[in-house]
N, C-alpha and C. Protein backbone atom coordinates (compact mmCIF):
# COMPACT_ATOMS: atom_id res chain seq x y z
N MET A 1 11.11 3.35 -99.83
CA MET A 1 12.25 2.59 -99.74
C MET A 1 12.58 1.54 -98.79
N THR A 2 13.32 0.44 -99.44
CA THR A 2 13.76 -0.38 -98.75
C THR A 2 14.72 -0.43 -97.54
N LEU A 3 15.02 -0.93 -96.26
CA LEU A 3 15.60 -0.30 -95.34
C LEU A 3 17.38 -0.97 -96.03
N LEU A 4 18.04 -0.63 -95.50
CA LEU A 4 19.26 -1.28 -96.33
C LEU A 4 20.40 -1.86 -95.23
N LEU A 5 19.95 -1.73 -94.00
CA LEU A 5 20.37 -2.18 -92.37
C LEU A 5 19.26 -3.45 -92.39
N PRO A 6 20.18 -4.49 -91.56
CA PRO A 6 19.15 -5.43 -90.82
C PRO A 6 18.80 -4.73 -89.36
N TYR A 7 17.53 -5.13 -89.04
CA TYR A 7 17.15 -4.61 -87.65
C TYR A 7 16.63 -5.89 -86.93
N GLN A 8 16.40 -5.80 -85.71
CA GLN A 8 16.13 -7.19 -84.82
C GLN A 8 15.32 -5.36 -83.74
N VAL A 9 14.22 -5.78 -83.49
CA VAL A 9 13.62 -4.94 -82.47
C VAL A 9 12.77 -6.17 -81.55
N ASP A 10 13.27 -6.02 -80.21
CA ASP A 10 12.63 -6.95 -79.15
C ASP A 10 12.34 -6.10 -77.76
N ILE A 11 11.22 -6.65 -77.11
CA ILE A 11 10.02 -5.95 -75.96
C ILE A 11 10.08 -6.99 -74.95
N THR A 12 10.93 -6.51 -74.12
CA THR A 12 10.85 -7.29 -73.01
C THR A 12 9.84 -6.73 -72.10
N PRO A 13 8.73 -7.39 -71.64
CA PRO A 13 7.52 -6.49 -70.63
C PRO A 13 8.15 -6.56 -69.13
N GLY A 14 7.87 -5.40 -68.39
CA GLY A 14 8.28 -5.42 -66.67
C GLY A 14 7.37 -6.21 -66.41
N PRO A 15 8.18 -7.13 -65.37
CA PRO A 15 7.35 -7.91 -64.76
C PRO A 15 5.80 -7.24 -63.77
N ALA A 16 4.85 -8.34 -63.86
CA ALA A 16 3.83 -7.68 -62.54
C ALA A 16 4.63 -7.78 -61.55
N THR A 17 3.59 -6.53 -60.66
CA THR A 17 4.04 -5.97 -59.40
C THR A 17 2.72 -6.00 -58.55
N THR A 18 2.84 -5.97 -57.11
CA THR A 18 1.93 -6.22 -56.14
C THR A 18 1.20 -4.67 -56.68
N ASP A 19 -0.03 -4.95 -55.90
CA ASP A 19 -1.13 -3.27 -55.99
C ASP A 19 -0.25 -2.09 -55.65
N ASP A 20 0.18 -2.35 -54.58
CA ASP A 20 1.08 -1.08 -54.06
C ASP A 20 2.55 -1.09 -54.26
N ALA A 21 2.88 -1.83 -55.21
CA ALA A 21 4.64 -1.75 -56.06
C ALA A 21 4.28 -0.45 -57.34
N PRO A 22 5.02 0.36 -57.42
CA PRO A 22 5.20 0.79 -58.70
C PRO A 22 5.10 -0.20 -59.81
N PRO A 23 5.11 0.41 -60.98
CA PRO A 23 4.59 -0.92 -62.08
C PRO A 23 6.57 -0.91 -62.56
N ARG A 24 6.88 -1.79 -63.06
CA ARG A 24 8.33 -1.73 -63.75
C ARG A 24 8.08 -1.57 -65.07
N TYR A 25 9.16 -0.89 -65.57
CA TYR A 25 9.32 -0.38 -67.03
C TYR A 25 9.61 -1.61 -68.21
N HIS A 26 9.27 -1.56 -69.35
CA HIS A 26 9.30 -2.05 -70.48
C HIS A 26 10.47 -1.87 -70.98
N GLN A 27 11.42 -2.98 -71.59
CA GLN A 27 13.05 -2.81 -72.21
C GLN A 27 12.18 -2.95 -73.96
N LEU A 28 13.11 -1.71 -74.48
CA LEU A 28 13.04 -2.09 -75.92
C LEU A 28 14.51 -1.98 -76.49
N ARG A 29 14.74 -3.36 -77.09
CA ARG A 29 16.21 -3.39 -77.38
C ARG A 29 16.30 -3.34 -78.84
N LEU A 30 16.87 -2.07 -80.02
CA LEU A 30 17.17 -2.24 -81.14
C LEU A 30 18.65 -2.69 -81.37
N THR A 31 18.45 -4.02 -82.33
CA THR A 31 19.95 -4.37 -82.53
C THR A 31 19.92 -3.63 -84.74
N VAL A 32 20.97 -3.03 -84.51
CA VAL A 32 21.20 -3.03 -85.79
C VAL A 32 22.52 -3.59 -86.31
N GLY A 33 22.59 -3.82 -87.66
CA GLY A 33 23.71 -4.72 -88.34
C GLY A 33 23.81 -6.01 -88.10
N GLU A 34 24.57 -6.97 -88.49
CA GLU A 34 24.86 -8.47 -88.63
C GLU A 34 26.34 -8.61 -88.23
N GLU A 35 26.55 -9.34 -87.12
CA GLU A 35 27.80 -9.63 -86.95
C GLU A 35 28.47 -11.05 -87.01
N GLY A 36 29.37 -11.42 -87.93
CA GLY A 36 29.49 -12.86 -87.59
C GLY A 36 28.99 -13.98 -88.75
N GLN A 37 28.33 -12.72 -89.82
CA GLN A 37 27.40 -13.24 -91.14
C GLN A 37 28.78 -14.22 -92.13
N GLY A 38 29.74 -14.47 -92.14
CA GLY A 38 30.47 -14.89 -92.92
C GLY A 38 31.45 -13.75 -93.36
N GLY A 39 31.47 -12.88 -92.37
CA GLY A 39 32.62 -12.05 -92.82
C GLY A 39 31.77 -10.53 -93.15
N ARG A 40 32.72 -9.84 -94.10
CA ARG A 40 32.25 -8.74 -94.69
C ARG A 40 31.37 -8.71 -95.30
N SER A 41 30.25 -7.94 -95.94
CA SER A 41 29.43 -7.56 -97.04
C SER A 41 30.14 -7.12 -98.26
N GLU A 42 29.89 -7.60 -99.32
CA GLU A 42 30.48 -7.21 -100.53
C GLU A 42 30.14 -5.37 -100.65
N GLN A 43 29.56 -5.13 -100.10
CA GLN A 43 28.93 -3.27 -100.24
C GLN A 43 28.74 -2.81 -99.04
N PRO A 44 29.58 -2.47 -98.11
CA PRO A 44 29.17 -1.94 -96.85
C PRO A 44 28.07 -0.32 -96.87
N VAL A 45 27.15 -0.29 -95.94
CA VAL A 45 26.19 0.45 -95.65
C VAL A 45 27.03 1.94 -94.98
N ARG A 46 26.69 2.91 -95.28
CA ARG A 46 27.41 3.97 -94.40
C ARG A 46 26.06 4.62 -93.96
N CYS A 47 26.28 5.01 -92.32
CA CYS A 47 24.93 5.43 -92.00
C CYS A 47 25.45 6.39 -91.01
N THR A 48 24.21 7.69 -90.89
CA THR A 48 24.49 8.95 -90.23
C THR A 48 23.64 9.10 -89.12
N ARG A 49 22.23 8.46 -89.07
CA ARG A 49 21.64 8.44 -88.34
C ARG A 49 20.17 7.09 -88.58
N ILE A 50 19.80 6.94 -87.15
CA ILE A 50 18.94 5.89 -87.33
C ILE A 50 17.84 6.47 -86.17
N ALA A 51 16.45 6.69 -86.41
CA ALA A 51 15.20 7.70 -85.75
C ALA A 51 14.41 5.54 -85.72
N VAL A 52 13.91 5.70 -84.21
CA VAL A 52 12.88 5.14 -83.90
C VAL A 52 11.70 5.50 -83.68
N ARG A 53 10.41 5.55 -84.16
CA ARG A 53 9.28 5.95 -83.87
C ARG A 53 8.18 5.06 -82.69
N VAL A 54 8.37 5.19 -81.67
CA VAL A 54 7.49 4.76 -80.84
C VAL A 54 6.15 5.15 -80.41
N PRO A 55 4.83 4.42 -80.63
CA PRO A 55 4.23 5.11 -80.34
C PRO A 55 3.54 5.28 -78.83
N ALA A 56 2.97 6.62 -78.59
CA ALA A 56 2.65 6.74 -77.00
C ALA A 56 1.93 5.88 -76.23
N ALA A 57 2.36 5.90 -75.33
CA ALA A 57 1.92 4.73 -74.04
C ALA A 57 0.21 4.24 -74.40
N THR A 58 -0.18 5.58 -74.62
CA THR A 58 -1.92 5.07 -74.99
C THR A 58 -2.29 5.90 -76.30
N SER A 59 -3.29 5.76 -77.21
CA SER A 59 -3.70 6.21 -78.24
C SER A 59 -4.36 7.61 -77.99
N ASP A 60 -4.91 7.93 -76.56
CA ASP A 60 -5.92 8.89 -75.94
C ASP A 60 -4.54 10.18 -75.70
N PRO A 61 -4.27 11.12 -76.74
CA PRO A 61 -2.88 11.80 -76.12
C PRO A 61 -2.92 12.65 -75.10
N ARG A 62 -4.41 12.86 -74.57
CA ARG A 62 -4.66 13.80 -73.15
C ARG A 62 -4.11 12.83 -72.23
N LEU A 63 -4.23 11.49 -72.29
CA LEU A 63 -3.59 10.20 -71.19
C LEU A 63 -1.71 9.91 -71.51
N ALA A 64 -1.43 10.43 -71.94
CA ALA A 64 0.10 9.91 -72.95
C ALA A 64 0.94 10.60 -71.73
N ARG A 65 1.90 9.71 -71.08
CA ARG A 65 2.52 10.11 -70.33
C ARG A 65 4.07 10.25 -70.75
N GLN A 66 4.48 11.69 -70.63
CA GLN A 66 5.71 11.77 -71.25
C GLN A 66 6.72 12.09 -70.26
N PRO A 67 8.08 12.18 -70.84
CA PRO A 67 8.54 11.00 -71.32
C PRO A 67 8.44 9.71 -71.49
N LEU A 68 8.30 9.09 -72.46
CA LEU A 68 8.03 7.68 -72.71
C LEU A 68 9.38 7.11 -72.00
N ALA A 69 10.50 7.32 -72.91
CA ALA A 69 11.54 6.89 -72.24
C ALA A 69 12.11 7.49 -70.45
N ILE A 70 12.46 6.22 -70.26
CA ILE A 70 12.99 6.65 -68.36
C ILE A 70 14.67 6.63 -68.61
N SER A 71 15.01 5.89 -69.09
CA SER A 71 16.53 5.60 -69.42
C SER A 71 17.21 5.28 -70.72
N THR A 72 18.10 5.27 -71.36
CA THR A 72 18.70 4.89 -72.26
C THR A 72 20.10 4.23 -72.45
N THR A 73 20.41 3.79 -72.87
CA THR A 73 21.54 2.72 -72.89
C THR A 73 22.35 2.58 -74.18
N VAL A 74 23.59 3.18 -74.42
CA VAL A 74 24.09 2.74 -75.70
C VAL A 74 25.67 2.06 -75.73
N PRO A 75 25.70 1.24 -76.32
CA PRO A 75 27.11 0.37 -75.75
C PRO A 75 28.35 1.33 -76.45
N SER A 76 29.37 0.56 -75.53
CA SER A 76 30.87 1.03 -76.73
C SER A 76 31.03 0.63 -77.82
N VAL A 77 31.38 1.50 -78.81
CA VAL A 77 32.51 0.77 -79.96
C VAL A 77 33.82 0.82 -80.00
N ARG A 78 34.24 0.07 -81.09
CA ARG A 78 35.58 0.07 -81.12
C ARG A 78 36.41 1.04 -81.85
N GLY A 79 35.56 2.15 -82.43
CA GLY A 79 36.62 2.89 -83.70
C GLY A 79 35.55 3.48 -84.39
N SER A 80 36.12 4.55 -85.39
CA SER A 80 35.48 5.36 -85.97
C SER A 80 34.67 4.89 -87.26
N ALA A 81 34.77 3.28 -87.24
CA ALA A 81 34.30 3.03 -88.89
C ALA A 81 32.95 2.60 -88.03
N GLN A 82 32.95 2.35 -87.07
CA GLN A 82 31.67 1.90 -85.88
C GLN A 82 30.87 3.30 -85.11
N GLY A 83 31.25 4.42 -85.77
CA GLY A 83 30.05 5.67 -85.55
C GLY A 83 31.29 6.76 -84.40
N GLN A 84 32.44 6.07 -83.82
CA GLN A 84 32.98 6.55 -82.89
C GLN A 84 32.54 6.22 -81.58
N GLU A 85 31.06 7.32 -81.48
CA GLU A 85 30.46 7.11 -80.08
C GLU A 85 29.25 7.52 -80.85
N TRP A 86 27.63 6.81 -80.40
CA TRP A 86 26.61 7.21 -80.55
C TRP A 86 25.98 7.62 -79.35
N TRP A 87 25.15 8.56 -79.79
CA TRP A 87 23.89 9.19 -78.75
C TRP A 87 22.37 8.82 -78.72
N ILE A 88 21.41 8.98 -78.32
CA ILE A 88 20.28 8.80 -78.33
C ILE A 88 19.58 9.98 -77.95
N VAL A 89 18.96 10.53 -79.03
CA VAL A 89 18.45 11.96 -78.91
C VAL A 89 16.77 11.77 -78.59
N PRO A 90 16.15 12.02 -77.50
CA PRO A 90 14.51 11.78 -77.58
C PRO A 90 13.33 13.22 -78.28
N ASP A 91 12.83 12.89 -79.03
CA ASP A 91 11.85 14.05 -79.48
C ASP A 91 10.31 13.57 -79.01
N THR A 92 9.62 14.50 -77.96
CA THR A 92 8.98 14.26 -77.88
C THR A 92 7.65 15.15 -77.94
N THR A 93 7.68 15.81 -79.56
CA THR A 93 6.99 17.05 -79.67
C THR A 93 5.50 16.63 -80.01
N ASP A 94 5.49 15.58 -80.50
CA ASP A 94 4.29 14.60 -81.11
C ASP A 94 3.78 13.95 -80.00
N PRO A 95 2.38 14.33 -79.63
CA PRO A 95 1.85 13.88 -78.69
C PRO A 95 1.42 12.35 -78.62
N ALA A 96 1.62 11.57 -80.14
CA ALA A 96 1.38 10.57 -80.65
C ALA A 96 2.19 9.49 -80.90
N ALA A 97 3.30 10.21 -80.19
CA ALA A 97 4.92 9.05 -80.43
C ALA A 97 6.15 9.83 -79.66
N THR A 98 6.81 9.15 -79.53
CA THR A 98 8.19 9.74 -79.53
C THR A 98 9.62 8.95 -80.28
N VAL A 99 10.17 9.70 -80.82
CA VAL A 99 10.86 9.72 -81.81
C VAL A 99 12.55 9.55 -81.07
N PHE A 100 13.09 8.51 -80.83
CA PHE A 100 14.40 8.28 -80.55
C PHE A 100 15.58 8.22 -81.90
N ALA A 101 16.35 9.19 -81.85
CA ALA A 101 17.07 9.22 -83.05
C ALA A 101 18.45 9.13 -82.11
N CYS A 102 19.37 7.86 -83.16
CA CYS A 102 20.75 7.24 -82.66
C CYS A 102 21.34 7.62 -83.59
N VAL A 103 22.18 8.31 -83.14
CA VAL A 103 23.10 9.16 -84.27
C VAL A 103 24.54 8.95 -83.67
N PRO A 104 25.47 8.59 -84.67
CA PRO A 104 26.72 8.37 -84.17
C PRO A 104 27.53 9.67 -84.15
N GLU A 105 28.31 9.68 -83.86
CA GLU A 105 29.42 10.81 -84.02
C GLU A 105 30.19 11.39 -85.36
N GLU A 106 30.50 10.11 -85.62
CA GLU A 106 30.87 9.98 -87.32
C GLU A 106 30.29 9.14 -87.83
N PRO A 107 30.11 9.01 -89.12
CA PRO A 107 29.25 7.95 -89.78
C PRO A 107 30.08 6.85 -89.79
N ALA A 108 28.91 5.94 -89.42
CA ALA A 108 29.34 4.32 -89.33
C ALA A 108 29.43 3.54 -90.70
N GLN A 109 29.93 2.68 -90.47
CA GLN A 109 30.18 1.73 -91.99
C GLN A 109 29.74 0.48 -91.05
N PHE A 110 28.56 -0.01 -91.77
CA PHE A 110 27.92 -1.43 -91.84
C PHE A 110 28.68 -2.12 -92.36
N ASP A 111 29.32 -3.45 -92.45
CA ASP A 111 30.21 -4.17 -93.13
C ASP A 111 29.90 -5.66 -93.27
N GLY A 112 28.61 -5.90 -91.76
CA GLY A 112 28.78 -7.32 -91.85
C GLY A 112 29.49 -7.78 -91.05
N THR A 113 30.53 -6.85 -90.32
CA THR A 113 31.45 -7.59 -89.02
C THR A 113 31.05 -7.35 -87.90
N TRP A 114 29.96 -6.44 -87.50
CA TRP A 114 29.94 -5.90 -86.01
C TRP A 114 27.87 -5.67 -85.96
N ALA A 115 27.47 -5.39 -85.20
CA ALA A 115 26.19 -5.17 -84.96
C ALA A 115 25.90 -3.89 -83.86
N ILE A 116 25.53 -3.26 -83.31
CA ILE A 116 25.07 -2.58 -82.27
C ILE A 116 23.75 -2.52 -81.80
N SER A 117 23.77 -2.60 -80.08
CA SER A 117 22.19 -2.50 -79.68
C SER A 117 21.85 -1.44 -78.99
N PHE A 118 20.82 -0.73 -79.07
CA PHE A 118 20.32 0.22 -77.96
C PHE A 118 19.33 -0.60 -76.98
N LEU A 119 19.06 0.12 -75.99
CA LEU A 119 18.38 -0.26 -74.92
C LEU A 119 17.89 1.06 -74.43
N ILE A 120 16.44 0.89 -74.59
CA ILE A 120 15.71 2.00 -74.43
C ILE A 120 14.41 1.53 -72.87
N GLU A 121 14.25 1.77 -72.03
CA GLU A 121 13.38 1.61 -70.91
C GLU A 121 12.13 2.43 -71.08
N LEU A 122 10.87 1.80 -71.43
CA LEU A 122 9.69 2.78 -71.49
C LEU A 122 8.51 2.33 -70.74
N ASP A 123 7.98 3.25 -70.68
CA ASP A 123 6.54 3.47 -69.72
C ASP A 123 5.70 2.17 -69.49
N PRO A 124 5.48 2.30 -68.48
CA PRO A 124 4.63 0.69 -68.09
C PRO A 124 3.72 0.44 -68.96
N GLY A 125 3.11 1.86 -69.59
CA GLY A 125 1.67 1.39 -70.09
C GLY A 125 1.42 1.24 -71.87
N PHE A 126 3.35 1.40 -72.27
CA PHE A 126 3.67 1.15 -73.81
C PHE A 126 2.92 -0.59 -73.75
N GLU A 127 2.03 -0.17 -74.81
CA GLU A 127 1.43 -1.53 -75.23
C GLU A 127 1.97 -2.32 -76.89
N SER A 128 2.14 -1.16 -77.68
CA SER A 128 2.62 -1.58 -78.92
C SER A 128 4.08 -2.73 -79.37
N THR A 129 3.60 -3.67 -80.37
CA THR A 129 4.44 -4.21 -81.06
C THR A 129 5.17 -3.30 -82.17
N ASP A 130 4.77 -2.72 -82.66
CA ASP A 130 4.98 -1.81 -84.00
C ASP A 130 5.82 -0.74 -83.87
N VAL A 131 7.08 -0.60 -84.28
CA VAL A 131 7.78 0.76 -84.19
C VAL A 131 8.42 0.98 -85.66
N GLU A 132 8.16 1.96 -85.69
CA GLU A 132 8.74 2.85 -87.32
C GLU A 132 10.40 3.11 -87.03
N ILE A 133 10.81 2.78 -88.11
CA ILE A 133 12.60 2.88 -88.23
C ILE A 133 12.54 3.70 -89.61
N THR A 134 13.47 4.89 -89.22
CA THR A 134 13.83 5.47 -90.60
C THR A 134 15.25 5.75 -90.57
N GLU A 135 16.09 5.22 -91.59
CA GLU A 135 17.47 5.39 -91.22
C GLU A 135 18.22 6.06 -92.72
N GLN A 136 19.28 6.97 -91.99
CA GLN A 136 19.89 8.00 -93.16
C GLN A 136 21.49 7.27 -93.53
N THR A 137 21.13 6.20 -94.72
CA THR A 137 22.28 5.41 -95.06
C THR A 137 22.25 5.93 -96.73
N THR A 138 23.10 5.38 -96.98
CA THR A 138 24.03 4.77 -98.58
C THR A 138 24.75 3.60 -98.89
N ALA A 139 24.21 2.85 -99.94
CA ALA A 139 25.28 1.51 -100.07
C ALA A 139 26.59 1.87 -100.81
N ASP A 140 26.51 3.26 -101.22
CA ASP A 140 27.68 3.50 -102.16
C ASP A 140 28.20 4.78 -101.84
N ASN A 141 28.79 5.47 -102.04
CA ASN A 141 29.40 6.64 -102.34
C ASN A 141 28.71 8.04 -102.46
N GLY A 142 27.44 7.87 -103.10
CA GLY A 142 26.75 9.13 -103.23
C GLY A 142 25.95 9.18 -101.71
N PRO A 143 24.93 10.37 -102.10
CA PRO A 143 24.54 10.75 -100.78
C PRO A 143 23.41 9.76 -100.07
N VAL A 144 23.25 10.32 -99.05
CA VAL A 144 22.61 9.58 -97.87
C VAL A 144 21.25 9.76 -97.63
N SER A 145 20.42 8.98 -98.16
CA SER A 145 18.82 9.21 -98.03
C SER A 145 18.31 8.52 -97.23
N ALA A 146 16.87 8.90 -96.73
CA ALA A 146 16.05 8.63 -95.52
C ALA A 146 15.35 7.24 -96.04
N ARG A 147 15.22 6.19 -95.80
CA ARG A 147 14.51 4.98 -95.93
C ARG A 147 13.54 5.08 -94.56
N SER A 148 12.51 4.79 -94.98
CA SER A 148 11.28 4.09 -93.21
C SER A 148 10.56 2.89 -93.66
N SER A 149 10.83 2.37 -92.38
CA SER A 149 10.16 1.06 -92.71
C SER A 149 9.51 0.63 -91.60
N HIS A 150 8.04 0.37 -91.19
CA HIS A 150 7.52 -0.25 -90.00
C HIS A 150 7.91 -1.53 -89.81
N VAL A 151 8.38 -2.10 -88.32
CA VAL A 151 9.20 -3.40 -87.70
C VAL A 151 8.19 -4.07 -86.85
N VAL A 152 8.05 -5.06 -86.67
CA VAL A 152 7.22 -5.59 -85.54
C VAL A 152 7.93 -6.33 -84.52
N ALA A 153 8.27 -5.80 -83.38
CA ALA A 153 8.91 -6.35 -82.29
C ALA A 153 8.83 -7.64 -82.15
N THR A 154 9.57 -8.29 -81.37
CA THR A 154 9.51 -9.44 -81.10
C THR A 154 9.10 -9.24 -79.19
N VAL A 155 8.39 -10.07 -79.05
CA VAL A 155 7.92 -9.60 -77.42
C VAL A 155 8.91 -11.09 -76.61
N LEU A 156 9.77 -10.71 -75.66
CA LEU A 156 10.54 -11.77 -75.14
C LEU A 156 9.82 -11.73 -73.66
N PRO A 157 10.17 -13.08 -73.08
CA PRO A 157 9.87 -13.68 -71.72
C PRO A 157 10.28 -13.09 -71.02
N VAL A 158 8.97 -12.89 -69.79
CA VAL A 158 10.14 -12.19 -68.71
C VAL A 158 10.67 -12.61 -67.73
N SER A 159 11.92 -12.60 -67.52
CA SER A 159 12.59 -13.61 -66.27
C SER A 159 11.90 -13.33 -65.05
N ALA A 160 11.49 -14.40 -64.07
CA ALA A 160 10.88 -14.26 -62.79
C ALA A 160 11.67 -13.54 -61.62
N SER A 161 12.86 -13.57 -62.38
CA SER A 161 13.74 -12.45 -61.12
C SER A 161 13.25 -10.88 -60.90
N ASP A 162 14.08 -10.29 -62.18
CA ASP A 162 13.55 -9.25 -62.48
C ASP A 162 13.32 -8.58 -63.45
N GLY A 163 12.88 -9.19 -64.58
CA GLY A 163 12.56 -8.64 -65.72
C GLY A 163 13.19 -8.47 -66.71
N GLN A 164 14.61 -8.79 -66.48
CA GLN A 164 15.81 -8.59 -67.66
C GLN A 164 15.78 -9.63 -68.32
N VAL A 165 16.36 -9.85 -69.84
CA VAL A 165 16.38 -10.93 -70.07
C VAL A 165 17.98 -11.27 -70.51
């Protein structure tokens, strides 16, 4: 099934370090929804869960380092239509990937007037730009359905100062 929500995935690589310094973490930013795109959409999308499946830092599961995420950041939202509060719950049971479930406290109504971004810091060994997104959504008042698709992330340049964009 086609995803109902618009997604943007950006990866900012950790900056290079000297040989004796620990490597800096990569940052994956997942932006969901659209803001300021001419106002409200004709048919809002109700969302109860968004999962991002990120491949392990290496294709050899014996060498994979878990957990893949060092920290996650969820922004504040303005009310119950935006999910009230969001949580990121990692699942590391699959040695080939980590799944980050972004779950709102209440179902969120994406109506074209707002967007939300999640920041996940990844192990420095992470090299893929392909992530799988599975959303639990509906565009009408019917039952919520799971929809999945692969999304290729945009790799952003590293800032000379600290690797932040």
